Amino acid sequence: MGRAFQNRKESMAKTAGMKTKLYSKYGKEIYVCAKNGGVDPDGNLSLRRMIDKAKKDQVPGHVIDKAIEKAKGGGGEDYAAARYEGFGPGNTMVIVDCLTDNNNRTYGDVRTCFNKAKSKIGAQGAVSHLFDHVGVFAFKSEDEDGVLEALMMEDIDVSEIENEDGMITVMVPPNEFHQAKTALESNFEGIDFEMDEITFLPQMTTEISGDEKEMFEKLVEMLNDCEDVQNVYHNAEFV
């Protein structure tokens, strides 16, 4: 699980696009979190998580501050979450999460990406039932028993825990993400998360190579270039 998750992160990093796209993505997500749950990170755990994630990806403070200030104004854009699912090259499965102020535009943009990559966009639920929606933490440690005990003491339902070459990966339900992170930080001083996010992990992977791999990379690159696309999840495994 750990290595597969690391590979997915590296794949996403390669196709994340220019810094301006990254800043725009975080600015929009921080704005939505602040507008919906309040501008105080101490009282809005979703906002705090997004700010921490942005800082880890080296998003400048002025980008974060601007998004929060914009949310304080109460006006601005009215973004809504949209999720699209489909089948990529080699019958891979793809989930695309978006934030949009125009559903028709966003759907059209995402569908165009699928079409250009000889792929097919599907109905809602077409592939998501074959992914696990989970909170994932990955960090260096050898104390697998101690990690499990710390989480269980807080009544957190640990879905899976793995220690691979000194890298512990833990999966928890999304609604227990913040509680789990607090428990880990409280019990392991100086813990440095290599990953801490809520994501979709495939229950099975599909191996692709050659032309299918090239076309799949084109699909993900085009999707990440779309203004409204925030995250792309998939089950492709390159061989």
Protein backbone atom coordinates (compact mmCIF):
# COMPACT_ATOMS: atom_id res chain seq x y z
CA MET A 1 0.00 0.00 0.00
CA GLY A 2 2.69 2.48 1.01
CA ARG A 3 4.78 2.19 -2.13
CA ALA A 4 1.73 2.35 -4.39
CA PHE A 5 0.60 5.50 -2.61
CA GLN A 6 4.06 7.04 -2.97
CA ASN A 7 4.04 6.23 -6.68
CA ARG A 8 0.65 7.89 -7.10
CA LYS A 9 1.93 11.01 -5.37
CA GLU A 10 4.98 11.14 -7.63
CA SER A 11 2.76 10.68 -10.68
CA MET A 12 0.53 13.54 -9.55
CA ALA A 13 3.56 15.76 -8.88
CA LYS A 14 4.85 15.24 -12.40
CA THR A 15 1.56 16.30 -13.93
CA ALA A 16 0.65 19.09 -11.52
CA GLY A 17 1.46 21.77 -14.08
CA MET A 18 2.99 25.18 -13.57
CA LYS A 19 3.24 26.92 -10.20
CA THR A 20 0.49 29.34 -11.19
CA LYS A 21 -1.89 26.41 -11.61
CA LEU A 22 -0.89 25.04 -8.21
CA TYR A 23 -1.37 28.42 -6.53
CA SER A 24 -4.75 28.87 -8.21
CA LYS A 25 -5.84 25.41 -7.06
CA TYR A 26 -4.94 26.04 -3.44
CA GLY A 27 -6.31 29.57 -3.51
CA LYS A 28 -9.68 28.28 -4.65
CA GLU A 29 -9.80 25.43 -2.10
CA ILE A 30 -8.75 27.68 0.78
CA TYR A 31 -11.34 30.27 -0.26
CA VAL A 32 -14.12 27.66 -0.34
CA CYS A 33 -13.09 26.16 3.03
CA ALA A 34 -12.96 29.61 4.65
CA LYS A 35 -16.21 30.78 3.12
CA ASN A 36 -18.11 27.65 4.13
CA GLY A 37 -16.62 27.02 7.57
CA GLY A 38 -15.21 30.33 8.80
CA VAL A 39 -11.87 32.08 8.39
CA ASP A 40 -10.35 30.96 11.73
CA PRO A 41 -8.20 27.84 11.13
CA ASP A 42 -8.50 26.89 14.83
CA GLY A 43 -12.26 26.59 14.46
CA ASN A 44 -12.30 25.31 10.90
CA LEU A 45 -10.35 22.06 10.68
CA SER A 46 -10.85 21.74 6.92
CA LEU A 47 -9.30 25.17 6.44
CA ARG A 48 -6.41 24.31 8.73
CA ARG A 49 -5.73 21.10 6.83
CA MET A 50 -5.78 22.93 3.50
CA ILE A 51 -3.43 25.67 4.77
CA ASP A 52 -1.00 23.05 6.13
CA LYS A 53 -1.12 21.20 2.82
CA ALA A 54 -0.51 24.41 0.85
CA LYS A 55 2.48 25.32 3.00
CA LYS A 56 3.94 21.85 2.51
CA ASP A 57 3.67 22.37 -1.25
CA GLN A 58 5.49 25.71 -0.81
CA VAL A 59 2.53 27.92 -1.69
CA PRO A 60 3.49 31.51 -0.73
CA GLY A 61 1.82 33.03 2.31
CA HIS A 62 0.37 35.90 0.30
CA VAL A 63 -1.61 33.44 -1.82
CA ILE A 64 -3.09 31.87 1.31
CA ASP A 65 -3.80 35.23 2.93
CA LYS A 66 -5.45 36.59 -0.21
CA ALA A 67 -7.85 33.63 -0.39
CA ILE A 68 -8.84 34.04 3.27
CA GLU A 69 -9.28 37.81 2.91
CA LYS A 70 -11.47 37.19 -0.11
CA ALA A 71 -13.64 34.83 1.93
CA LYS A 72 -13.96 37.45 4.70
CA GLY A 73 -15.63 39.77 2.22
CA GLY A 74 -18.58 37.44 1.89
CA GLY A 75 -18.92 38.05 -1.83
CA GLY A 76 -16.91 36.59 -4.66
CA GLU A 77 -17.46 33.43 -6.63
CA ASP A 78 -19.87 30.72 -5.59
CA TYR A 79 -17.94 27.51 -6.18
CA ALA A 80 -19.47 24.06 -5.92
CA ALA A 81 -17.80 20.65 -5.86
CA ALA A 82 -18.22 18.45 -8.92
CA ARG A 83 -16.94 14.91 -9.45
CA TYR A 84 -16.61 13.13 -12.77
CA GLU A 85 -15.70 9.51 -13.37
CA GLY A 86 -14.65 7.59 -16.41
CA PHE A 87 -12.46 5.03 -18.13
CA GLY A 88 -9.03 5.91 -19.44
CA PRO A 89 -6.69 4.13 -21.87
CA GLY A 90 -6.28 0.42 -21.21
CA ASN A 91 -9.59 0.39 -19.28
CA THR A 92 -8.03 2.28 -16.39
CA MET A 93 -10.37 4.02 -13.96
CA VAL A 94 -10.25 7.76 -13.35
CA ILE A 95 -11.94 10.10 -10.83
CA VAL A 96 -11.77 13.86 -11.39
CA ASP A 97 -12.62 16.26 -8.55
CA CYS A 98 -13.42 19.86 -9.46
CA LEU A 99 -14.48 23.15 -7.93
CA THR A 100 -16.60 25.12 -10.38
CA ASP A 101 -18.86 28.12 -10.74
CA ASN A 102 -20.19 26.79 -14.05
CA ASN A 103 -21.04 23.09 -14.21
CA ASN A 104 -21.72 23.08 -17.95
CA ARG A 105 -18.31 24.58 -18.73
CA THR A 106 -16.47 22.23 -16.39
CA TYR A 107 -18.23 19.12 -17.65
CA GLY A 108 -17.50 20.15 -21.23
CA ASP A 109 -13.81 20.71 -20.46
CA VAL A 110 -13.44 17.35 -18.68
CA ARG A 111 -15.33 15.48 -21.40
CA THR A 112 -13.09 17.03 -24.05
CA CYS A 113 -10.02 15.73 -22.22
CA PHE A 114 -11.45 12.22 -22.14
CA ASN A 115 -12.40 12.37 -25.82
CA LYS A 116 -8.97 13.61 -26.94
CA ALA A 117 -7.32 10.76 -25.02
CA LYS A 118 -9.62 8.16 -26.62
CA SER A 119 -11.26 7.66 -23.24
CA LYS A 120 -14.84 7.64 -22.03
CA ILE A 121 -16.46 9.73 -19.34
CA GLY A 122 -19.05 7.74 -17.39
CA ALA A 123 -22.01 8.30 -15.11
CA GLN A 124 -21.68 9.23 -11.45
CA GLY A 125 -20.62 6.15 -9.51
CA ALA A 126 -19.24 4.40 -12.58
CA VAL A 127 -15.85 3.70 -10.96
CA SER A 128 -15.79 5.31 -7.50
CA HIS A 129 -17.21 2.16 -5.88
CA LEU A 130 -13.93 0.47 -6.81
CA PHE A 131 -11.90 3.03 -4.84
CA ASP A 132 -11.59 3.49 -1.08
CA HIS A 133 -12.19 7.05 0.15
CA VAL A 134 -9.75 7.32 3.03
CA GLY A 135 -7.54 9.56 5.09
CA VAL A 136 -3.90 8.55 4.63
CA PHE A 137 -0.85 9.33 6.75
CA ALA A 138 2.69 8.31 5.84
CA PHE A 139 5.70 9.03 8.04
CA LYS A 140 9.02 7.51 9.07
CA SER A 141 8.80 5.35 12.17
CA GLU A 142 9.50 1.82 13.34
CA ASP A 143 6.93 1.86 16.15
CA GLU A 144 3.96 0.34 14.35
CA ASP A 145 2.47 -0.99 17.60
CA GLY A 146 2.79 2.41 19.27
CA VAL A 147 1.08 4.14 16.35
CA LEU A 148 -1.79 1.68 16.41
CA GLU A 149 -2.16 1.99 20.19
CA ALA A 150 -2.20 5.81 20.05
CA LEU A 151 -4.97 5.79 17.46
CA MET A 152 -7.02 3.11 19.18
CA MET A 153 -6.85 5.03 22.47
CA GLU A 154 -8.75 7.82 20.67
CA ASP A 155 -11.32 5.31 19.33
CA ILE A 156 -10.16 5.88 15.76
CA ASP A 157 -11.18 3.15 13.36
CA VAL A 158 -7.86 2.27 11.70
CA SER A 159 -8.67 0.74 8.34
CA GLU A 160 -5.13 -0.43 7.63
CA ILE A 161 -1.59 0.08 8.91
CA GLU A 162 1.65 -0.96 7.24
CA ASN A 163 5.33 -0.63 8.00
CA GLU A 164 7.43 -0.86 4.88
CA ASP A 165 11.17 -0.19 5.17
CA GLY A 166 10.67 2.17 8.11
CA MET A 167 7.81 4.05 6.48
CA ILE A 168 4.49 3.65 8.28
CA THR A 169 1.33 4.20 6.28
CA VAL A 170 -2.01 4.45 8.09
CA MET A 171 -5.49 4.63 6.60
CA VAL A 172 -8.48 5.96 8.55
CA PRO A 173 -12.06 6.99 7.66
CA PRO A 174 -12.21 10.51 6.17
CA ASN A 175 -14.44 11.78 8.98
CA GLU A 176 -11.77 10.79 11.54
CA PHE A 177 -8.86 12.39 9.67
CA HIS A 178 -8.41 15.44 11.92
CA GLN A 179 -8.79 13.40 15.11
CA ALA A 180 -6.20 10.90 13.88
CA LYS A 181 -3.72 13.63 12.94
CA THR A 182 -4.08 15.27 16.34
CA ALA A 183 -3.51 11.93 18.08
CA LEU A 184 -0.36 11.23 16.06
CA GLU A 185 1.06 14.71 16.64
CA SER A 186 0.34 14.47 20.38
CA ASN A 187 1.96 11.07 20.82
CA PHE A 188 4.95 11.40 18.48
CA GLU A 189 6.76 14.67 19.04
CA GLY A 190 8.29 16.13 15.90
CA ILE A 191 6.42 13.75 13.59
CA ASP A 192 7.00 14.73 9.95
CA PHE A 193 4.23 13.59 7.64
CA GLU A 194 5.38 12.77 4.15
CA MET A 195 1.70 12.45 3.30
CA ASP A 196 -1.42 13.47 5.17
CA GLU A 197 -4.45 13.83 3.00
CA ILE A 198 -7.92 12.56 2.23
CA THR A 199 -7.83 10.73 -1.05
CA PHE A 200 -9.17 7.93 -3.22
CA LEU A 201 -7.10 4.74 -3.35
CA PRO A 202 -7.93 2.04 -5.91
CA GLN A 203 -8.93 -1.39 -4.66
CA MET A 204 -7.10 -2.85 -7.66
CA THR A 205 -4.66 -1.48 -10.21
CA THR A 206 -4.53 -1.83 -13.99
CA GLU A 207 -1.15 -2.24 -15.66
CA ILE A 208 -0.52 -0.17 -18.79
CA SER A 209 2.53 0.37 -20.97
CA GLY A 210 3.54 1.62 -24.39
CA ASP A 211 0.96 3.63 -26.33
CA GLU A 212 -1.66 3.19 -23.59
CA LYS A 213 0.72 4.64 -21.00
CA GLU A 214 1.54 7.57 -23.27
CA MET A 215 -2.14 8.28 -23.92
CA PHE A 216 -2.96 7.98 -20.23
CA GLU A 217 -0.26 10.51 -19.32
CA LYS A 218 -1.74 12.83 -21.95
CA LEU A 219 -5.19 12.46 -20.36
CA VAL A 220 -3.93 13.31 -16.85
CA GLU A 221 -1.87 16.23 -18.14
CA MET A 222 -4.87 17.70 -19.99
CA LEU A 223 -7.11 17.27 -16.95
CA ASN A 224 -4.61 18.98 -14.66
CA ASP A 225 -4.43 21.86 -17.12
CA CYS A 226 -8.19 22.46 -16.76
CA GLU A 227 -8.91 25.51 -14.64
CA ASP A 228 -11.56 23.84 -12.48
CA VAL A 229 -9.85 20.48 -11.88
CA GLN A 230 -8.49 20.12 -8.34
CA ASN A 231 -7.46 16.45 -8.14
CA VAL A 232 -7.18 13.45 -10.43
CA TYR A 233 -7.25 9.93 -8.98
CA HIS A 234 -6.67 6.73 -10.95
CA ASN A 235 -5.77 3.06 -10.73
CA ALA A 236 -3.13 2.98 -13.47
CA GLU A 237 0.15 1.20 -12.79
CA PHE A 238 2.93 1.82 -15.30
CA VAL A 239 5.01 -1.20 -16.42
